[in-house]
């Protein structure tokens, strides 16, 4: 496994592969984390929104209690929820994540979305319309003000590095220009159909590492968000795993399609966080450091890029979000 050094005075390091946990809950995520720890994963990506921090914390605490390793051996990423994306709410949600994860500090804390929703009366979830699905948008969140409070958490020792998720280039640049502690990581959707070369180059100029979520595509996303938000306008893209070129390269290298897709991103120095609860796939996804792709094959995979046409997560399942001033994608 490779570790990359993040920007910042302490030279904080992040493993180049982690276990993604979006849509994994209860015993599924608990067992997936324990399996991943046995395989050799040391990087775990979660979020307050995923509703699984407590189970991940239980699994990690069990691993540590059995003298398998220490907290310092691990890298844990979690995220400030979009309904807490305001300066005054950062500490509250960070404190809840720390408690659930049973850890005294977070390695990487991200602002999950550049836009925001209003809080409900309990102050721990989104305010919803009468349909109990549509969340009430907060059109007035200030990401620079939120970032200043994120910086304070680093100074308090509660967080080692801070970063952004789902921000576009101009939004990242705006935070970067105003920041005392610069963003260390940008986490975005990235895979062979959505390669985001311009975004990668912009992050290189700012010395910001890039993490790819949904690095194998996300074939189950449409079903998940359709059920959760009653949204039926999802773009359904062909499976990357069964793409003829990817299958051909998998045979050539004696690897799985998933391993080819992950290796393609690693060749670009992108951090990957494939999600799986299947023990065999968790193990297979980790075995991507014993081969390299030939330059010609990298070029062929590069040609699969559909630009914005390859984006799955445009967040329009949040009704009306494209009208938010901080909506990060094209409004067309």
C-alpha atoms as a PDB file:
ATOM      1  CA  UNK A   1       0.000   0.000   0.000  1.00  0.00           C
ATOM      2  CA  UNK A   2       1.212   3.498  -0.846  1.00  0.00           C
ATOM      3  CA  UNK A   3       0.901   6.534   1.404  1.00  0.00           C
ATOM      4  CA  UNK A   4       0.776  10.066  -0.028  1.00  0.00           C
ATOM      5  CA  UNK A   5       1.976  13.143   1.849  1.00  0.00           C
ATOM      6  CA  UNK A   6      -0.658  15.835   2.218  1.00  0.00           C
ATOM      7  CA  UNK A   7       0.007  19.551   2.092  1.00  0.00           C
ATOM      8  CA  UNK A   8       0.655  21.145   5.451  1.00  0.00           C
ATOM      9  CA  UNK A   9       3.475  21.722   7.901  1.00  0.00           C
ATOM     10  CA  UNK A  10       3.212  18.298   9.580  1.00  0.00           C
ATOM     11  CA  UNK A  11       3.522  16.164   6.444  1.00  0.00           C
ATOM     12  CA  UNK A  12       0.367  14.197   7.292  1.00  0.00           C
ATOM     13  CA  UNK A  13       0.172  11.032   5.160  1.00  0.00           C
ATOM     14  CA  UNK A  14      -2.916   9.390   3.615  1.00  0.00           C
ATOM     15  CA  UNK A  15      -3.141   5.837   2.228  1.00  0.00           C
ATOM     16  CA  UNK A  16      -3.780   5.863  -1.523  1.00  0.00           C
ATOM     17  CA  UNK A  17      -6.634   3.381  -1.120  1.00  0.00           C
ATOM     18  CA  UNK A  18      -9.396   3.366   1.450  1.00  0.00           C
ATOM     19  CA  UNK A  19     -12.664   1.607   2.078  1.00  0.00           C
ATOM     20  CA  UNK A  20     -15.667   3.636   0.969  1.00  0.00           C
ATOM     21  CA  UNK A  21     -18.764   3.125   3.118  1.00  0.00           C
ATOM     22  CA  UNK A  22     -21.559   5.070   1.384  1.00  0.00           C
ATOM     23  CA  UNK A  23     -24.848   3.107   1.630  1.00  0.00           C
ATOM     24  CA  UNK A  24     -23.240   0.540   3.990  1.00  0.00           C
ATOM     25  CA  UNK A  25     -24.956   0.345   7.383  1.00  0.00           C
ATOM     26  CA  UNK A  26     -25.426  -1.812  10.477  1.00  0.00           C
ATOM     27  CA  UNK A  27     -23.700  -5.219  10.449  1.00  0.00           C
ATOM     28  CA  UNK A  28     -22.774  -4.857   6.774  1.00  0.00           C
ATOM     29  CA  UNK A  29     -20.439  -1.945   7.398  1.00  0.00           C
ATOM     30  CA  UNK A  30     -19.198  -3.324  10.741  1.00  0.00           C
ATOM     31  CA  UNK A  31     -18.152  -6.588   9.107  1.00  0.00           C
ATOM     32  CA  UNK A  32     -16.793  -4.825   6.019  1.00  0.00           C
ATOM     33  CA  UNK A  33     -14.463  -2.699   8.160  1.00  0.00           C
ATOM     34  CA  UNK A  34     -13.205  -5.722  10.091  1.00  0.00           C
ATOM     35  CA  UNK A  35     -12.597  -7.585   6.819  1.00  0.00           C
ATOM     36  CA  UNK A  36     -10.797  -4.586   5.351  1.00  0.00           C
ATOM     37  CA  UNK A  37      -8.577  -4.252   8.423  1.00  0.00           C
ATOM     38  CA  UNK A  38      -7.596  -7.916   8.086  1.00  0.00           C
ATOM     39  CA  UNK A  39      -6.819  -7.415   4.390  1.00  0.00           C
ATOM     40  CA  UNK A  40      -4.586  -4.437   5.146  1.00  0.00           C
ATOM     41  CA  UNK A  41      -6.725  -1.339   4.640  1.00  0.00           C
ATOM     42  CA  UNK A  42      -5.852   1.489   6.987  1.00  0.00           C
ATOM     43  CA  UNK A  43      -7.941   4.251   5.415  1.00  0.00           C
ATOM     44  CA  UNK A  44     -11.690   4.423   6.065  1.00  0.00           C
ATOM     45  CA  UNK A  45     -14.016   6.987   4.514  1.00  0.00           C
ATOM     46  CA  UNK A  46     -17.369   7.820   6.046  1.00  0.00           C
ATOM     47  CA  UNK A  47     -19.634  10.827   6.624  1.00  0.00           C
ATOM     48  CA  UNK A  48     -22.188  12.020   9.138  1.00  0.00           C
ATOM     49  CA  UNK A  49     -24.761  11.702   6.336  1.00  0.00           C
ATOM     50  CA  UNK A  50     -24.033   7.996   5.839  1.00  0.00           C
ATOM     51  CA  UNK A  51     -25.464   7.086   9.244  1.00  0.00           C
ATOM     52  CA  UNK A  52     -22.766   4.477   9.859  1.00  0.00           C
ATOM     53  CA  UNK A  53     -20.091   6.228  11.933  1.00  0.00           C
ATOM     54  CA  UNK A  54     -21.115   4.380  15.101  1.00  0.00           C
ATOM     55  CA  UNK A  55     -20.711   0.935  13.493  1.00  0.00           C
ATOM     56  CA  UNK A  56     -17.362   1.919  11.993  1.00  0.00           C
ATOM     57  CA  UNK A  57     -16.221   3.154  15.385  1.00  0.00           C
ATOM     58  CA  UNK A  58     -17.235  -0.162  16.980  1.00  0.00           C
ATOM     59  CA  UNK A  59     -15.267  -2.163  14.428  1.00  0.00           C
ATOM     60  CA  UNK A  60     -12.151  -0.022  14.755  1.00  0.00           C
ATOM     61  CA  UNK A  61     -12.325  -0.100  18.565  1.00  0.00           C
ATOM     62  CA  UNK A  62     -12.576  -3.898  18.482  1.00  0.00           C
ATOM     63  CA  UNK A  63      -9.523  -4.108  16.204  1.00  0.00           C
ATOM     64  CA  UNK A  64      -7.511  -1.839  18.511  1.00  0.00           C
ATOM     65  CA  UNK A  65      -8.667  -3.670  21.662  1.00  0.00           C
ATOM     66  CA  UNK A  66      -7.399  -6.947  20.204  1.00  0.00           C
ATOM     67  CA  UNK A  67      -3.916  -5.419  19.832  1.00  0.00           C
ATOM     68  CA  UNK A  68      -4.095  -5.669  16.048  1.00  0.00           C
ATOM     69  CA  UNK A  69      -2.899  -2.082  15.728  1.00  0.00           C
ATOM     70  CA  UNK A  70      -3.235   1.418  17.150  1.00  0.00           C
ATOM     71  CA  UNK A  71      -5.301   4.454  16.281  1.00  0.00           C
ATOM     72  CA  UNK A  72      -2.128   6.054  14.907  1.00  0.00           C
ATOM     73  CA  UNK A  73      -1.930   3.282  12.291  1.00  0.00           C
ATOM     74  CA  UNK A  74      -5.255   4.370  10.810  1.00  0.00           C
ATOM     75  CA  UNK A  75      -6.554   7.206   8.657  1.00  0.00           C
ATOM     76  CA  UNK A  76     -10.213   8.128   9.213  1.00  0.00           C
ATOM     77  CA  UNK A  77     -12.094  10.566   6.991  1.00  0.00           C
ATOM     78  CA  UNK A  78     -15.534  11.917   7.816  1.00  0.00           C
ATOM     79  CA  UNK A  79     -17.551  14.908   6.666  1.00  0.00           C
ATOM     80  CA  UNK A  80     -19.584  17.865   7.887  1.00  0.00           C
ATOM     81  CA  UNK A  81     -23.174  17.256   6.708  1.00  0.00           C
ATOM     82  CA  UNK A  82     -24.836  19.643   4.272  1.00  0.00           C
ATOM     83  CA  UNK A  83     -27.490  20.513   6.869  1.00  0.00           C
ATOM     84  CA  UNK A  84     -24.651  21.577   9.197  1.00  0.00           C
ATOM     85  CA  UNK A  85     -22.719  23.575   6.620  1.00  0.00           C
ATOM     86  CA  UNK A  86     -22.545  26.795   8.611  1.00  0.00           C
ATOM     87  CA  UNK A  87     -19.805  28.214  10.800  1.00  0.00           C
ATOM     88  CA  UNK A  88     -21.910  27.930  13.963  1.00  0.00           C
ATOM     89  CA  UNK A  89     -22.651  24.226  13.380  1.00  0.00           C
ATOM     90  CA  UNK A  90     -19.177  22.834  12.645  1.00  0.00           C
ATOM     91  CA  UNK A  91     -18.130  22.021  16.218  1.00  0.00           C
ATOM     92  CA  UNK A  92     -21.461  20.405  17.081  1.00  0.00           C
ATOM     93  CA  UNK A  93     -21.365  17.949  14.195  1.00  0.00           C
ATOM     94  CA  UNK A  94     -17.652  17.261  14.561  1.00  0.00           C
ATOM     95  CA  UNK A  95     -18.201  16.437  18.249  1.00  0.00           C
ATOM     96  CA  UNK A  96     -20.968  13.987  17.341  1.00  0.00           C
ATOM     97  CA  UNK A  97     -18.750  12.295  14.739  1.00  0.00           C
ATOM     98  CA  UNK A  98     -15.878  11.979  17.212  1.00  0.00           C
ATOM     99  CA  UNK A  99     -18.188  10.354  19.748  1.00  0.00           C
ATOM    100  CA  UNK A 100     -19.671   7.903  17.262  1.00  0.00           C
ATOM    101  CA  UNK A 101     -16.295   6.948  15.814  1.00  0.00           C
ATOM    102  CA  UNK A 102     -14.845   6.553  19.334  1.00  0.00           C
ATOM    103  CA  UNK A 103     -11.756   8.530  18.431  1.00  0.00           C
ATOM    104  CA  UNK A 104     -10.096  11.615  19.936  1.00  0.00           C
ATOM    105  CA  UNK A 105      -9.337  13.081  16.503  1.00  0.00           C
ATOM    106  CA  UNK A 106     -10.275  12.850  12.824  1.00  0.00           C
ATOM    107  CA  UNK A 107      -7.489  12.505  10.267  1.00  0.00           C
ATOM    108  CA  UNK A 108      -9.395  14.319   7.523  1.00  0.00           C
ATOM    109  CA  UNK A 109     -12.561  16.384   7.963  1.00  0.00           C
ATOM    110  CA  UNK A 110     -14.319  17.538   4.806  1.00  0.00           C
ATOM    111  CA  UNK A 111     -17.084  20.011   4.051  1.00  0.00           C
ATOM    112  CA  UNK A 112     -19.339  17.455   2.354  1.00  0.00           C
ATOM    113  CA  UNK A 113     -21.178  19.830  -0.016  1.00  0.00           C
ATOM    114  CA  UNK A 114     -20.751  23.467  -1.007  1.00  0.00           C
ATOM    115  CA  UNK A 115     -24.506  24.068  -0.558  1.00  0.00           C
ATOM    116  CA  UNK A 116     -26.588  23.777   2.615  1.00  0.00           C
ATOM    117  CA  UNK A 117     -29.984  22.858   4.034  1.00  0.00           C
ATOM    118  CA  UNK A 118     -31.684  24.248   7.104  1.00  0.00           C
ATOM    119  CA  UNK A 119     -31.703  22.371  10.404  1.00  0.00           C
ATOM    120  CA  UNK A 120     -34.799  20.865  11.976  1.00  0.00           C
ATOM    121  CA  UNK A 121     -35.973  21.698  15.520  1.00  0.00           C
ATOM    122  CA  UNK A 122     -33.707  19.073  17.077  1.00  0.00           C
ATOM    123  CA  UNK A 123     -30.703  20.668  15.409  1.00  0.00           C
ATOM    124  CA  UNK A 124     -29.352  17.309  14.293  1.00  0.00           C
ATOM    125  CA  UNK A 125     -31.050  16.757  10.942  1.00  0.00           C
ATOM    126  CA  UNK A 126     -32.527  18.583   7.953  1.00  0.00           C
ATOM    127  CA  UNK A 127     -35.724  20.583   8.066  1.00  0.00           C
ATOM    128  CA  UNK A 128     -38.174  18.999   5.611  1.00  0.00           C
ATOM    129  CA  UNK A 129     -41.238  20.085   3.687  1.00  0.00           C
ATOM    130  CA  UNK A 130     -44.610  18.517   4.421  1.00  0.00           C
ATOM    131  CA  UNK A 131     -43.852  15.650   2.017  1.00  0.00           C
ATOM    132  CA  UNK A 132     -41.163  14.527   4.535  1.00  0.00           C
ATOM    133  CA  UNK A 133     -38.731  14.075   1.629  1.00  0.00           C
ATOM    134  CA  UNK A 134     -37.889  17.532   0.315  1.00  0.00           C
ATOM    135  CA  UNK A 135     -35.296  19.293   2.463  1.00  0.00           C
ATOM    136  CA  UNK A 136     -35.534  23.055   2.978  1.00  0.00           C
ATOM    137  CA  UNK A 137     -32.607  24.774   1.266  1.00  0.00           C
ATOM    138  CA  UNK A 138     -30.462  27.312   3.092  1.00  0.00           C
ATOM    139  CA  UNK A 139     -29.508  29.804   0.367  1.00  0.00           C
ATOM    140  CA  UNK A 140     -27.253  31.849   2.664  1.00  0.00           C
ATOM    141  CA  UNK A 141     -24.450  29.543   3.805  1.00  0.00           C
ATOM    142  CA  UNK A 142     -20.980  31.078   3.730  1.00  0.00           C
ATOM    143  CA  UNK A 143     -18.286  28.514   2.922  1.00  0.00           C
ATOM    144  CA  UNK A 144     -15.423  30.845   3.788  1.00  0.00           C
ATOM    145  CA  UNK A 145     -16.868  31.431   7.268  1.00  0.00           C
ATOM    146  CA  UNK A 146     -17.358  27.678   7.677  1.00  0.00           C
ATOM    147  CA  UNK A 147     -13.765  27.077   6.580  1.00  0.00           C
ATOM    148  CA  UNK A 148     -12.444  29.444   9.262  1.00  0.00           C
ATOM    149  CA  UNK A 149     -14.104  27.296  11.922  1.00  0.00           C
ATOM    150  CA  UNK A 150     -12.735  24.148  10.259  1.00  0.00           C
ATOM    151  CA  UNK A 151      -9.266  25.675  10.677  1.00  0.00           C
ATOM    152  CA  UNK A 152      -9.943  26.157  14.387  1.00  0.00           C
ATOM    153  CA  UNK A 153     -10.567  22.413  14.763  1.00  0.00           C
ATOM    154  CA  UNK A 154      -7.085  21.721  13.397  1.00  0.00           C
ATOM    155  CA  UNK A 155      -5.581  24.167  15.889  1.00  0.00           C
ATOM    156  CA  UNK A 156      -7.476  22.434  18.709  1.00  0.00           C
ATOM    157  CA  UNK A 157      -6.047  19.055  17.689  1.00  0.00           C
ATOM    158  CA  UNK A 158      -9.473  17.558  16.944  1.00  0.00           C
ATOM    159  CA  UNK A 159      -8.675  17.289  13.239  1.00  0.00           C
ATOM    160  CA  UNK A 160      -5.337  16.711  11.508  1.00  0.00           C
ATOM    161  CA  UNK A 161      -6.222  17.819   7.974  1.00  0.00           C
ATOM    162  CA  UNK A 162      -9.215  19.544   6.421  1.00  0.00           C
ATOM    163  CA  UNK A 163     -10.606  19.536   2.923  1.00  0.00           C
ATOM    164  CA  UNK A 164     -13.570  19.785   0.607  1.00  0.00           C
ATOM    165  CA  UNK A 165     -15.951  17.460  -1.200  1.00  0.00           C
ATOM    166  CA  UNK A 166     -18.048  18.087  -4.328  1.00  0.00           C
ATOM    167  CA  UNK A 167     -16.691  21.629  -4.808  1.00  0.00           C
ATOM    168  CA  UNK A 168     -15.914  22.855  -8.320  1.00  0.00           C
ATOM    169  CA  UNK A 169     -12.669  24.547  -9.375  1.00  0.00           C
ATOM    170  CA  UNK A 170     -13.767  28.126  -8.682  1.00  0.00           C
ATOM    171  CA  UNK A 171     -15.210  27.142  -5.306  1.00  0.00           C
ATOM    172  CA  UNK A 172     -11.981  25.371  -4.325  1.00  0.00           C
ATOM    173  CA  UNK A 173      -9.929  28.354  -5.484  1.00  0.00           C
ATOM    174  CA  UNK A 174     -12.069  30.726  -3.421  1.00  0.00           C
ATOM    175  CA  UNK A 175     -11.471  28.712  -0.254  1.00  0.00           C
ATOM    176  CA  UNK A 176      -7.774  28.317  -1.085  1.00  0.00           C
ATOM    177  CA  UNK A 177      -7.302  32.069  -1.556  1.00  0.00           C
ATOM    178  CA  UNK A 178      -8.929  32.905   1.781  1.00  0.00           C
ATOM    179  CA  UNK A 179      -7.464  30.050   3.842  1.00  0.00           C
ATOM    180  CA  UNK A 180      -4.838  30.187   6.542  1.00  0.00           C
ATOM    181  CA  UNK A 181      -4.769  26.371   6.541  1.00  0.00           C
ATOM    182  CA  UNK A 182      -5.110  25.331   2.908  1.00  0.00           C
ATOM    183  CA  UNK A 183      -7.396  22.475   1.829  1.00  0.00           C
ATOM    184  CA  UNK A 184      -5.416  19.228   1.881  1.00  0.00           C
ATOM    185  CA  UNK A 185      -7.845  17.079  -0.115  1.00  0.00           C
ATOM    186  CA  UNK A 186     -10.700  17.464  -2.571  1.00  0.00           C
ATOM    187  CA  UNK A 187     -13.002  14.442  -2.767  1.00  0.00           C
ATOM    188  CA  UNK A 188     -15.153  14.174  -5.890  1.00  0.00           C
ATOM    189  CA  UNK A 189     -16.890  11.650  -8.108  1.00  0.00           C
ATOM    190  CA  UNK A 190     -14.239  10.318 -10.483  1.00  0.00           C
ATOM    191  CA  UNK A 191     -14.027   7.242 -12.670  1.00  0.00           C
ATOM    192  CA  UNK A 192     -13.289   6.311 -16.284  1.00  0.00           C
ATOM    193  CA  UNK A 193     -16.484   7.998 -17.538  1.00  0.00           C
ATOM    194  CA  UNK A 194     -15.804  11.190 -15.513  1.00  0.00           C
ATOM    195  CA  UNK A 195     -12.050  11.815 -15.401  1.00  0.00           C
ATOM    196  CA  UNK A 196     -12.059  15.566 -14.588  1.00  0.00           C
ATOM    197  CA  UNK A 197      -8.594  16.347 -15.980  1.00  0.00           C
ATOM    198  CA  UNK A 198      -9.039  20.112 -15.615  1.00  0.00           C
ATOM    199  CA  UNK A 199     -10.008  19.722 -11.961  1.00  0.00           C
ATOM    200  CA  UNK A 200      -7.004  17.470 -11.311  1.00  0.00           C
ATOM    201  CA  UNK A 201      -4.649  20.022 -12.850  1.00  0.00           C
ATOM    202  CA  UNK A 202      -6.161  22.847 -10.803  1.00  0.00           C
ATOM    203  CA  UNK A 203      -5.682  20.836  -7.612  1.00  0.00           C
ATOM    204  CA  UNK A 204      -2.069  20.098  -8.550  1.00  0.00           C
ATOM    205  CA  UNK A 205      -1.408  23.817  -8.868  1.00  0.00           C
ATOM    206  CA  UNK A 206      -2.833  24.323  -5.376  1.00  0.00           C
ATOM    207  CA  UNK A 207      -1.050  21.256  -3.956  1.00  0.00           C
ATOM    208  CA  UNK A 208      -4.376  19.625  -3.090  1.00  0.00           C
ATOM    209  CA  UNK A 209      -4.658  15.838  -3.232  1.00  0.00           C
ATOM    210  CA  UNK A 210      -7.684  14.388  -5.041  1.00  0.00           C
ATOM    211  CA  UNK A 211      -9.774  11.468  -3.779  1.00  0.00           C
ATOM    212  CA  UNK A 212     -12.097   9.643  -6.172  1.00  0.00           C
ATOM    213  CA  UNK A 213     -15.391   8.415  -4.816  1.00  0.00           C
ATOM    214  CA  UNK A 214     -17.436   5.989  -6.942  1.00  0.00           C
ATOM    215  CA  UNK A 215     -14.175   5.007  -8.714  1.00  0.00           C
ATOM    216  CA  UNK A 216     -15.865   1.959 -10.273  1.00  0.00           C
ATOM    217  CA  UNK A 217     -18.946   3.915 -11.250  1.00  0.00           C
ATOM    218  CA  UNK A 218     -21.988   3.596  -9.035  1.00  0.00           C
ATOM    219  CA  UNK A 219     -24.567   1.336 -10.665  1.00  0.00           C
ATOM    220  CA  UNK A 220     -26.758   1.178  -7.547  1.00  0.00           C
ATOM    221  CA  UNK A 221     -26.952   4.954  -7.084  1.00  0.00           C
ATOM    222  CA  UNK A 222     -30.033   5.435  -9.242  1.00  0.00           C
ATOM    223  CA  UNK A 223     -32.051   2.864  -7.307  1.00  0.00           C
ATOM    224  CA  UNK A 224     -30.908   4.272  -3.960  1.00  0.00           C
ATOM    225  CA  UNK A 225     -31.754   7.915  -4.657  1.00  0.00           C
ATOM    226  CA  UNK A 226     -34.941   7.112  -6.532  1.00  0.00           C
ATOM    227  CA  UNK A 227     -36.228   5.285  -3.461  1.00  0.00           C
ATOM    228  CA  UNK A 228     -34.979   7.848  -0.954  1.00  0.00           C
ATOM    229  CA  UNK A 229     -35.957  11.086  -2.712  1.00  0.00           C
ATOM    230  CA  UNK A 230     -38.603   9.912  -5.219  1.00  0.00           C
ATOM    231  CA  UNK A 231     -36.364  11.142  -8.009  1.00  0.00           C
ATOM    232  CA  UNK A 232     -36.738   9.550 -11.419  1.00  0.00           C
ATOM    233  CA  UNK A 233     -34.452  11.545 -13.729  1.00  0.00           C
ATOM    234  CA  UNK A 234     -31.215   9.648 -13.176  1.00  0.00           C
ATOM    235  CA  UNK A 235     -28.790   9.195 -16.032  1.00  0.00           C
ATOM    236  CA  UNK A 236     -28.179   5.469 -16.402  1.00  0.00           C
ATOM    237  CA  UNK A 237     -24.687   4.876 -17.752  1.00  0.00           C
ATOM    238  CA  UNK A 238     -23.367   1.565 -19.104  1.00  0.00           C
ATOM    239  CA  UNK A 239     -21.547  -0.488 -16.487  1.00  0.00           C
ATOM    240  CA  UNK A 240     -17.829   0.210 -16.290  1.00  0.00           C
ATOM    241  CA  UNK A 241     -17.181  -3.244 -14.881  1.00  0.00           C
ATOM    242  CA  UNK A 242     -18.539  -4.871 -18.054  1.00  0.00           C
ATOM    243  CA  UNK A 243     -17.179  -2.279 -20.490  1.00  0.00           C
ATOM    244  CA  UNK A 244     -15.554  -4.259 -23.358  1.00  0.00           C
ATOM    245  CA  UNK A 245     -12.224  -2.396 -23.116  1.00  0.00           C
ATOM    246  CA  UNK A 246     -12.048  -2.847 -19.340  1.00  0.00           C
ATOM    247  CA  UNK A 247     -12.889  -6.549 -19.648  1.00  0.00           C
ATOM    248  CA  UNK A 248     -10.234  -6.929 -22.363  1.00  0.00           C
ATOM    249  CA  UNK A 249      -7.587  -5.277 -20.183  1.00  0.00           C
ATOM    250  CA  UNK A 250      -8.601  -7.383 -17.191  1.00  0.00           C
ATOM    251  CA  UNK A 251      -7.862 -10.503 -19.232  1.00  0.00           C
ATOM    252  CA  UNK A 252      -4.574  -9.056 -20.492  1.00  0.00           C
ATOM    253  CA  UNK A 253      -3.278  -8.296 -16.988  1.00  0.00           C
ATOM    254  CA  UNK A 254      -4.969 -11.265 -15.296  1.00  0.00           C
ATOM    255  CA  UNK A 255      -6.851  -8.868 -13.028  1.00  0.00           C
ATOM    256  CA  UNK A 256     -10.475  -8.027 -12.313  1.00  0.00           C
ATOM    257  CA  UNK A 257     -12.224  -5.160 -14.086  1.00  0.00           C
ATOM    258  CA  UNK A 258     -12.347  -3.330 -10.775  1.00  0.00           C
ATOM    259  CA  UNK A 259      -8.602  -3.642 -10.330  1.00  0.00           C
ATOM    260  CA  UNK A 260      -8.024  -2.190 -13.815  1.00  0.00           C
ATOM    261  CA  UNK A 261     -10.275   0.793 -13.102  1.00  0.00           C
ATOM    262  CA  UNK A 262      -8.665   1.481  -9.723  1.00  0.00           C
ATOM    263  CA  UNK A 263      -5.143   1.134 -11.107  1.00  0.00           C
ATOM    264  CA  UNK A 264      -6.012   3.616 -13.856  1.00  0.00           C
ATOM    265  CA  UNK A 265      -6.765   6.228 -11.197  1.00  0.00           C
ATOM    266  CA  UNK A 266      -3.699   5.367  -9.128  1.00  0.00           C
ATOM    267  CA  UNK A 267      -1.542   5.953 -12.209  1.00  0.00           C
ATOM    268  CA  UNK A 268      -2.757   9.568 -12.016  1.00  0.00           C
ATOM    269  CA  UNK A 269      -1.891   9.827  -8.289  1.00  0.00           C
ATOM    270  CA  UNK A 270      -5.584   9.840  -7.371  1.00  0.00           C
ATOM    271  CA  UNK A 271      -6.620   8.369  -4.006  1.00  0.00           C
ATOM    272  CA  UNK A 272      -9.382   5.772  -4.398  1.00  0.00           C
ATOM    273  CA  UNK A 273     -12.092   4.714  -1.951  1.00  0.00           C
ATOM    274  CA  UNK A 274     -14.018   1.831  -3.551  1.00  0.00           C
ATOM    275  CA  UNK A 275     -17.070   0.769  -1.583  1.00  0.00           C
ATOM    276  CA  UNK A 276     -17.920  -2.876  -1.004  1.00  0.00           C
ATOM    277  CA  UNK A 277     -19.369  -5.102   1.686  1.00  0.00           C
ATOM    278  CA  UNK A 278     -18.355  -8.267  -0.160  1.00  0.00           C
ATOM    279  CA  UNK A 279     -15.238  -9.819   1.447  1.00  0.00           C
ATOM    280  CA  UNK A 280     -13.812 -11.081  -1.862  1.00  0.00           C
ATOM    281  CA  UNK A 281     -14.248  -7.722  -3.601  1.00  0.00           C
ATOM    282  CA  UNK A 282     -12.812  -5.875  -0.605  1.00  0.00           C
ATOM    283  CA  UNK A 283      -9.715  -8.061  -0.916  1.00  0.00           C
ATOM    284  CA  UNK A 284      -9.537  -7.810  -4.718  1.00  0.00           C
ATOM    285  CA  UNK A 285      -9.849  -4.021  -4.666  1.00  0.00           C
ATOM    286  CA  UNK A 286      -6.818  -3.821  -2.388  1.00  0.00           C
ATOM    287  CA  UNK A 287      -4.591  -5.861  -4.717  1.00  0.00           C
ATOM    288  CA  UNK A 288      -3.673  -3.054  -7.098  1.00  0.00           C
ATOM    289  CA  UNK A 289      -0.058  -2.371  -6.196  1.00  0.00           C
ATOM    290  CA  UNK A 290       1.645  -5.301  -7.932  1.00  0.00           C
ATOM    291  CA  UNK A 291       1.195  -4.156 -11.533  1.00  0.00           C
ATOM    292  CA  UNK A 292       1.251  -1.093 -13.781  1.00  0.00           C
ATOM    293  CA  UNK A 293      -0.748  -0.290 -16.874  1.00  0.00           C
ATOM    294  CA  UNK A 294       1.124   0.256 -20.131  1.00  0.00           C
ATOM    295  CA  UNK A 295       0.961   3.807 -21.499  1.00  0.00           C
ATOM    296  CA  UNK A 296      -1.071   2.684 -24.522  1.00  0.00           C
ATOM    297  CA  UNK A 297      -3.640   1.064 -22.240  1.00  0.00           C
ATOM    298  CA  UNK A 298      -3.845   4.182 -20.081  1.00  0.00           C
ATOM    299  CA  UNK A 299      -4.573   6.203 -23.222  1.00  0.00           C
ATOM    300  CA  UNK A 300      -7.332   3.771 -24.209  1.00  0.00           C
ATOM    301  CA  UNK A 301      -8.917   4.114 -20.767  1.00  0.00           C
ATOM    302  CA  UNK A 302      -8.550   7.888 -20.976  1.00  0.00           C
ATOM    303  CA  UNK A 303     -10.643   7.781 -24.147  1.00  0.00           C
ATOM    304  CA  UNK A 304     -13.605   6.404 -22.180  1.00  0.00           C
ATOM    305  CA  UNK A 305     -14.064   9.856 -20.623  1.00  0.00           C
ATOM    306  CA  UNK A 306     -17.538  11.300 -21.251  1.00  0.00           C
ATOM    307  CA  UNK A 307     -16.749  14.589 -19.508  1.00  0.00           C
ATOM    308  CA  UNK A 308     -19.858  15.977 -17.785  1.00  0.00           C
ATOM    309  CA  UNK A 309     -21.923  13.370 -19.581  1.00  0.00           C
ATOM    310  CA  UNK A 310     -20.339  10.790 -17.317  1.00  0.00           C
ATOM    311  CA  UNK A 311     -21.465  12.403 -14.063  1.00  0.00           C
ATOM    312  CA  UNK A 312     -23.867  10.387 -11.919  1.00  0.00           C
ATOM    313  CA  UNK A 313     -23.938  12.489  -8.752  1.00  0.00           C
ATOM    314  CA  UNK A 314     -25.273  15.894  -9.863  1.00  0.00           C
ATOM    315  CA  UNK A 315     -27.381  16.113  -6.660  1.00  0.00           C
ATOM    316  CA  UNK A 316     -30.545  17.105  -8.499  1.00  0.00           C
ATOM    317  CA  UNK A 317     -32.323  14.469  -6.421  1.00  0.00           C
ATOM    318  CA  UNK A 318     -32.332  17.315  -3.863  1.00  0.00           C
ATOM    319  CA  UNK A 319     -35.344  19.190  -5.209  1.00  0.00           C
ATOM    320  CA  UNK A 320     -34.459  22.711  -6.357  1.00  0.00           C
ATOM    321  CA  UNK A 321     -30.768  22.467  -5.441  1.00  0.00           C
ATOM    322  CA  UNK A 322     -29.653  23.700  -8.878  1.00  0.00           C
ATOM    323  CA  UNK A 323     -31.009  27.119  -7.817  1.00  0.00           C
ATOM    324  CA  UNK A 324     -28.665  27.339  -4.832  1.00  0.00           C
ATOM    325  CA  UNK A 325     -25.949  29.981  -5.366  1.00  0.00           C
ATOM    326  CA  UNK A 326     -23.287  27.397  -4.445  1.00  0.00           C
ATOM    327  CA  UNK A 327     -24.594  24.608  -6.696  1.00  0.00           C
ATOM    328  CA  UNK A 328     -21.291  23.278  -8.125  1.00  0.00           C
ATOM    329  CA  UNK A 329     -22.332  22.001 -11.558  1.00  0.00           C
ATOM    330  CA  UNK A 330     -23.903  23.322 -14.727  1.00  0.00           C
ATOM    331  CA  UNK A 331     -27.480  24.465 -14.181  1.00  0.00           C
ATOM    332  CA  UNK A 332     -28.446  23.576 -17.760  1.00  0.00           C
END
